[in-house]
């Protein structure tokens, strides 16, 4: 049986008050959703990606557990922060992999096509992250909407609740941000 959003919010309130036992009770309740988020992130990754969804969830868990001054409000906000952490973990992973590829010779047994495809994928992850960062500088609200909807997999209603916006505003920001991001990314690809 899935936990109620209220149950998660109550545990988050306990965590906010410093009760670390509440965090231990919280994770089993949200693990499925965190795993779904990680699966969402990893669905477009290559099969041989060195970071798997379970490892992504565990890394995000460690970072969430280390948030000693987090102002947890509700389930949607918690998942939004988890989504943001997962995004950062993947971007940092891609940057490290890209840097290590440049650092040394490529083993002869690695197929050249796979190497080129992987390098292109790293660049795509970084390009999306750069574009989202630029969008967030221009319009922080739209940046948060994209992060929650695309990276967090939250619904319009969950995003609206987490950001204190109306669903109509979230839909408008989502549509505008998607169009802007598509334009920026298509320009970058055409260079």
C-alpha atoms as a PDB file:
ATOM      1  CA  UNK A   1       0.000   0.000   0.000  1.00  0.00           C
ATOM      2  CA  UNK A   2       1.366   3.405  -0.975  1.00  0.00           C
ATOM      3  CA  UNK A   3       1.964   5.891   1.832  1.00  0.00           C
ATOM      4  CA  UNK A   4      -0.321   8.856   2.046  1.00  0.00           C
ATOM      5  CA  UNK A   5       1.191  12.245   1.219  1.00  0.00           C
ATOM      6  CA  UNK A   6       0.128  13.316   4.713  1.00  0.00           C
ATOM      7  CA  UNK A   7       2.147  10.533   6.326  1.00  0.00           C
ATOM      8  CA  UNK A   8       5.256  11.612   4.392  1.00  0.00           C
ATOM      9  CA  UNK A   9       4.657  15.268   5.296  1.00  0.00           C
ATOM     10  CA  UNK A  10       4.337  14.380   9.000  1.00  0.00           C
ATOM     11  CA  UNK A  11       7.642  12.496   8.914  1.00  0.00           C
ATOM     12  CA  UNK A  12       9.291  15.413   7.088  1.00  0.00           C
ATOM     13  CA  UNK A  13       8.078  17.728   9.847  1.00  0.00           C
ATOM     14  CA  UNK A  14       9.728  15.405  12.395  1.00  0.00           C
ATOM     15  CA  UNK A  15      12.963  15.411  10.383  1.00  0.00           C
ATOM     16  CA  UNK A  16      12.815  19.209  10.260  1.00  0.00           C
ATOM     17  CA  UNK A  17      12.610  19.219  14.082  1.00  0.00           C
ATOM     18  CA  UNK A  18      15.828  17.175  14.189  1.00  0.00           C
ATOM     19  CA  UNK A  19      14.397  13.680  14.638  1.00  0.00           C
ATOM     20  CA  UNK A  20      16.771  11.540  12.531  1.00  0.00           C
ATOM     21  CA  UNK A  21      14.757   8.407  13.362  1.00  0.00           C
ATOM     22  CA  UNK A  22      11.943   9.953  11.338  1.00  0.00           C
ATOM     23  CA  UNK A  23      14.244  10.134   8.290  1.00  0.00           C
ATOM     24  CA  UNK A  24      14.945   6.411   8.668  1.00  0.00           C
ATOM     25  CA  UNK A  25      11.170   5.794   8.655  1.00  0.00           C
ATOM     26  CA  UNK A  26      10.654   8.148   5.721  1.00  0.00           C
ATOM     27  CA  UNK A  27      12.984   6.504   3.218  1.00  0.00           C
ATOM     28  CA  UNK A  28      11.129   3.172   2.977  1.00  0.00           C
ATOM     29  CA  UNK A  29       7.941   5.159   2.337  1.00  0.00           C
ATOM     30  CA  UNK A  30       9.398   7.194  -0.529  1.00  0.00           C
ATOM     31  CA  UNK A  31      11.908   4.658  -1.878  1.00  0.00           C
ATOM     32  CA  UNK A  32       9.586   3.515  -4.659  1.00  0.00           C
ATOM     33  CA  UNK A  33       9.085   7.089  -5.805  1.00  0.00           C
ATOM     34  CA  UNK A  34      12.816   7.812  -5.617  1.00  0.00           C
ATOM     35  CA  UNK A  35      13.468   4.646  -7.644  1.00  0.00           C
ATOM     36  CA  UNK A  36      10.864   5.808 -10.194  1.00  0.00           C
ATOM     37  CA  UNK A  37      12.632   9.174 -10.421  1.00  0.00           C
ATOM     38  CA  UNK A  38      15.982   7.446 -10.931  1.00  0.00           C
ATOM     39  CA  UNK A  39      14.447   5.201 -13.581  1.00  0.00           C
ATOM     40  CA  UNK A  40      13.040   8.292 -15.283  1.00  0.00           C
ATOM     41  CA  UNK A  41      16.500   9.847 -15.346  1.00  0.00           C
ATOM     42  CA  UNK A  42      18.208   6.690 -16.517  1.00  0.00           C
ATOM     43  CA  UNK A  43      15.703   5.633 -19.195  1.00  0.00           C
ATOM     44  CA  UNK A  44      17.573   7.515 -21.916  1.00  0.00           C
ATOM     45  CA  UNK A  45      21.030   6.514 -20.742  1.00  0.00           C
ATOM     46  CA  UNK A  46      23.068   3.930 -22.590  1.00  0.00           C
ATOM     47  CA  UNK A  47      22.717   0.344 -21.368  1.00  0.00           C
ATOM     48  CA  UNK A  48      26.353   0.195 -20.249  1.00  0.00           C
ATOM     49  CA  UNK A  49      26.078   3.350 -18.108  1.00  0.00           C
ATOM     50  CA  UNK A  50      28.323   2.937 -15.078  1.00  0.00           C
ATOM     51  CA  UNK A  51      25.750   4.496 -12.756  1.00  0.00           C
ATOM     52  CA  UNK A  52      22.618   2.405 -12.278  1.00  0.00           C
ATOM     53  CA  UNK A  53      19.214   3.617 -10.932  1.00  0.00           C
ATOM     54  CA  UNK A  54      19.672   1.928  -7.550  1.00  0.00           C
ATOM     55  CA  UNK A  55      23.085   3.545  -7.100  1.00  0.00           C
ATOM     56  CA  UNK A  56      21.587   6.898  -8.105  1.00  0.00           C
ATOM     57  CA  UNK A  57      18.855   6.512  -5.450  1.00  0.00           C
ATOM     58  CA  UNK A  58      21.424   5.555  -2.805  1.00  0.00           C
ATOM     59  CA  UNK A  59      23.687   8.500  -3.659  1.00  0.00           C
ATOM     60  CA  UNK A  60      20.689  10.867  -3.504  1.00  0.00           C
ATOM     61  CA  UNK A  61      19.652   9.288  -0.178  1.00  0.00           C
ATOM     62  CA  UNK A  62      23.088   9.993   1.301  1.00  0.00           C
ATOM     63  CA  UNK A  63      22.892  13.601   0.173  1.00  0.00           C
ATOM     64  CA  UNK A  64      19.339  13.995   1.462  1.00  0.00           C
ATOM     65  CA  UNK A  65      20.301  12.490   4.811  1.00  0.00           C
ATOM     66  CA  UNK A  66      23.106  15.047   5.038  1.00  0.00           C
ATOM     67  CA  UNK A  67      20.684  17.971   4.742  1.00  0.00           C
ATOM     68  CA  UNK A  68      20.800  19.060   8.370  1.00  0.00           C
ATOM     69  CA  UNK A  69      19.235  22.473   7.721  1.00  0.00           C
ATOM     70  CA  UNK A  70      16.634  21.482   5.141  1.00  0.00           C
ATOM     71  CA  UNK A  71      13.290  23.215   5.404  1.00  0.00           C
ATOM     72  CA  UNK A  72      11.116  20.238   4.453  1.00  0.00           C
ATOM     73  CA  UNK A  73       7.577  21.322   3.659  1.00  0.00           C
ATOM     74  CA  UNK A  74       5.824  18.360   2.042  1.00  0.00           C
ATOM     75  CA  UNK A  75       6.217  15.272  -0.123  1.00  0.00           C
ATOM     76  CA  UNK A  76       6.262  17.202  -3.414  1.00  0.00           C
ATOM     77  CA  UNK A  77       9.003  19.540  -2.209  1.00  0.00           C
ATOM     78  CA  UNK A  78      11.046  16.601  -0.875  1.00  0.00           C
ATOM     79  CA  UNK A  79      10.772  14.812  -4.228  1.00  0.00           C
ATOM     80  CA  UNK A  80      11.694  18.014  -6.052  1.00  0.00           C
ATOM     81  CA  UNK A  81      14.871  18.312  -3.970  1.00  0.00           C
ATOM     82  CA  UNK A  82      15.608  14.623  -4.589  1.00  0.00           C
ATOM     83  CA  UNK A  83      15.140  15.181  -8.330  1.00  0.00           C
ATOM     84  CA  UNK A  84      17.510  18.133  -8.238  1.00  0.00           C
ATOM     85  CA  UNK A  85      20.114  16.056  -6.415  1.00  0.00           C
ATOM     86  CA  UNK A  86      19.780  13.208  -8.909  1.00  0.00           C
ATOM     87  CA  UNK A  87      20.227  15.642 -11.772  1.00  0.00           C
ATOM     88  CA  UNK A  88      23.389  17.058 -10.170  1.00  0.00           C
ATOM     89  CA  UNK A  89      24.738  13.553  -9.537  1.00  0.00           C
ATOM     90  CA  UNK A  90      24.227  12.584 -13.192  1.00  0.00           C
ATOM     91  CA  UNK A  91      25.740  15.799 -14.515  1.00  0.00           C
ATOM     92  CA  UNK A  92      28.765  15.455 -12.220  1.00  0.00           C
ATOM     93  CA  UNK A  93      29.103  11.806 -13.243  1.00  0.00           C
ATOM     94  CA  UNK A  94      29.002  12.776 -16.935  1.00  0.00           C
ATOM     95  CA  UNK A  95      31.603  15.509 -16.430  1.00  0.00           C
ATOM     96  CA  UNK A  96      33.922  13.125 -14.543  1.00  0.00           C
ATOM     97  CA  UNK A  97      33.551  10.459 -17.233  1.00  0.00           C
ATOM     98  CA  UNK A  98      34.191  12.969 -19.977  1.00  0.00           C
ATOM     99  CA  UNK A  99      37.291  14.243 -18.165  1.00  0.00           C
ATOM    100  CA  UNK A 100      38.599  10.709 -17.638  1.00  0.00           C
ATOM    101  CA  UNK A 101      38.103   9.938 -21.342  1.00  0.00           C
ATOM    102  CA  UNK A 102      40.359  12.887 -22.184  1.00  0.00           C
ATOM    103  CA  UNK A 103      42.917  11.968 -19.546  1.00  0.00           C
ATOM    104  CA  UNK A 104      44.250   8.770 -21.009  1.00  0.00           C
ATOM    105  CA  UNK A 105      44.464   6.496 -24.020  1.00  0.00           C
ATOM    106  CA  UNK A 106      41.386   4.575 -25.077  1.00  0.00           C
ATOM    107  CA  UNK A 107      41.761   0.780 -24.779  1.00  0.00           C
ATOM    108  CA  UNK A 108      41.999  -0.899 -28.204  1.00  0.00           C
ATOM    109  CA  UNK A 109      39.068  -3.206 -27.459  1.00  0.00           C
ATOM    110  CA  UNK A 110      36.640  -0.299 -27.062  1.00  0.00           C
ATOM    111  CA  UNK A 111      34.675   0.112 -30.251  1.00  0.00           C
ATOM    112  CA  UNK A 112      35.208   3.585 -31.768  1.00  0.00           C
ATOM    113  CA  UNK A 113      31.488   3.999 -32.503  1.00  0.00           C
ATOM    114  CA  UNK A 114      30.563   3.318 -28.858  1.00  0.00           C
ATOM    115  CA  UNK A 115      33.199   5.774 -27.683  1.00  0.00           C
ATOM    116  CA  UNK A 116      31.891   8.512 -29.984  1.00  0.00           C
ATOM    117  CA  UNK A 117      28.283   7.823 -29.001  1.00  0.00           C
ATOM    118  CA  UNK A 118      29.150   7.916 -25.308  1.00  0.00           C
ATOM    119  CA  UNK A 119      31.081  11.165 -25.693  1.00  0.00           C
ATOM    120  CA  UNK A 120      28.120  12.707 -27.514  1.00  0.00           C
ATOM    121  CA  UNK A 121      25.795  11.578 -24.756  1.00  0.00           C
ATOM    122  CA  UNK A 122      27.964  13.202 -22.075  1.00  0.00           C
ATOM    123  CA  UNK A 123      27.870  16.410 -24.061  1.00  0.00           C
ATOM    124  CA  UNK A 124      24.086  16.186 -24.333  1.00  0.00           C
ATOM    125  CA  UNK A 125      23.682  15.797 -20.560  1.00  0.00           C
ATOM    126  CA  UNK A 126      25.906  18.802 -19.989  1.00  0.00           C
ATOM    127  CA  UNK A 127      24.106  20.798 -22.731  1.00  0.00           C
ATOM    128  CA  UNK A 128      20.705  20.181 -21.120  1.00  0.00           C
ATOM    129  CA  UNK A 129      22.097  21.136 -17.730  1.00  0.00           C
ATOM    130  CA  UNK A 130      23.665  24.325 -19.149  1.00  0.00           C
ATOM    131  CA  UNK A 131      20.415  25.268 -20.898  1.00  0.00           C
ATOM    132  CA  UNK A 132      18.395  24.686 -17.731  1.00  0.00           C
ATOM    133  CA  UNK A 133      20.856  26.786 -15.741  1.00  0.00           C
ATOM    134  CA  UNK A 134      20.519  29.613 -18.274  1.00  0.00           C
ATOM    135  CA  UNK A 135      16.732  29.355 -18.134  1.00  0.00           C
ATOM    136  CA  UNK A 136      16.842  29.483 -14.328  1.00  0.00           C
ATOM    137  CA  UNK A 137      18.905  32.677 -14.496  1.00  0.00           C
ATOM    138  CA  UNK A 138      16.367  34.266 -16.860  1.00  0.00           C
ATOM    139  CA  UNK A 139      13.286  32.959 -15.077  1.00  0.00           C
ATOM    140  CA  UNK A 140      13.907  31.070 -11.818  1.00  0.00           C
ATOM    141  CA  UNK A 141      10.281  29.975 -11.567  1.00  0.00           C
ATOM    142  CA  UNK A 142      10.313  28.365 -15.007  1.00  0.00           C
ATOM    143  CA  UNK A 143      13.594  26.667 -14.123  1.00  0.00           C
ATOM    144  CA  UNK A 144      12.036  25.143 -11.010  1.00  0.00           C
ATOM    145  CA  UNK A 145       8.940  24.069 -12.963  1.00  0.00           C
ATOM    146  CA  UNK A 146      11.113  22.261 -15.534  1.00  0.00           C
ATOM    147  CA  UNK A 147      13.182  20.620 -12.837  1.00  0.00           C
ATOM    148  CA  UNK A 148      10.120  19.322 -11.023  1.00  0.00           C
ATOM    149  CA  UNK A 149       8.124  18.304 -14.097  1.00  0.00           C
ATOM    150  CA  UNK A 150      10.865  16.874 -16.296  1.00  0.00           C
ATOM    151  CA  UNK A 151      13.535  15.742 -13.896  1.00  0.00           C
ATOM    152  CA  UNK A 152      11.279  15.069 -10.920  1.00  0.00           C
ATOM    153  CA  UNK A 153       8.415  13.517 -12.833  1.00  0.00           C
ATOM    154  CA  UNK A 154       5.923  15.481 -10.719  1.00  0.00           C
ATOM    155  CA  UNK A 155       2.448  16.178 -12.035  1.00  0.00           C
ATOM    156  CA  UNK A 156       1.201  19.691 -12.724  1.00  0.00           C
ATOM    157  CA  UNK A 157      -0.727  19.599  -9.451  1.00  0.00           C
ATOM    158  CA  UNK A 158       2.249  18.338  -7.410  1.00  0.00           C
ATOM    159  CA  UNK A 159       4.494  20.985  -8.964  1.00  0.00           C
ATOM    160  CA  UNK A 160       1.924  23.682  -8.228  1.00  0.00           C
ATOM    161  CA  UNK A 161       1.672  22.552  -4.597  1.00  0.00           C
ATOM    162  CA  UNK A 162       5.454  22.401  -4.145  1.00  0.00           C
ATOM    163  CA  UNK A 163       5.975  25.886  -5.617  1.00  0.00           C
ATOM    164  CA  UNK A 164       2.841  27.525  -4.224  1.00  0.00           C
ATOM    165  CA  UNK A 165       1.528  28.277  -7.727  1.00  0.00           C
ATOM    166  CA  UNK A 166      -1.725  27.610  -9.495  1.00  0.00           C
ATOM    167  CA  UNK A 167      -1.858  24.607 -11.860  1.00  0.00           C
ATOM    168  CA  UNK A 168      -2.639  27.049 -14.683  1.00  0.00           C
ATOM    169  CA  UNK A 169       0.589  28.981 -14.008  1.00  0.00           C
ATOM    170  CA  UNK A 170       2.582  25.737 -13.929  1.00  0.00           C
ATOM    171  CA  UNK A 171       1.097  24.687 -17.287  1.00  0.00           C
ATOM    172  CA  UNK A 172       1.925  28.074 -18.820  1.00  0.00           C
ATOM    173  CA  UNK A 173       5.481  28.104 -17.424  1.00  0.00           C
ATOM    174  CA  UNK A 174       6.001  24.488 -18.520  1.00  0.00           C
ATOM    175  CA  UNK A 175       4.911  25.213 -22.103  1.00  0.00           C
ATOM    176  CA  UNK A 176       7.007  28.392 -22.343  1.00  0.00           C
ATOM    177  CA  UNK A 177      10.088  26.773 -20.800  1.00  0.00           C
ATOM    178  CA  UNK A 178       9.886  23.702 -23.054  1.00  0.00           C
ATOM    179  CA  UNK A 179       9.719  25.893 -26.153  1.00  0.00           C
ATOM    180  CA  UNK A 180      12.677  27.987 -24.971  1.00  0.00           C
ATOM    181  CA  UNK A 181      14.779  24.924 -24.094  1.00  0.00           C
ATOM    182  CA  UNK A 182      14.008  23.227 -27.424  1.00  0.00           C
ATOM    183  CA  UNK A 183      15.068  26.358 -29.288  1.00  0.00           C
ATOM    184  CA  UNK A 184      18.323  26.714 -27.325  1.00  0.00           C
ATOM    185  CA  UNK A 185      19.216  23.030 -27.629  1.00  0.00           C
ATOM    186  CA  UNK A 186      18.418  22.871 -31.355  1.00  0.00           C
ATOM    187  CA  UNK A 187      20.670  25.905 -31.962  1.00  0.00           C
ATOM    188  CA  UNK A 188      23.451  24.247 -30.053  1.00  0.00           C
ATOM    189  CA  UNK A 189      23.081  20.982 -32.020  1.00  0.00           C
ATOM    190  CA  UNK A 190      23.156  22.830 -35.352  1.00  0.00           C
ATOM    191  CA  UNK A 191      26.580  24.365 -34.618  1.00  0.00           C
END
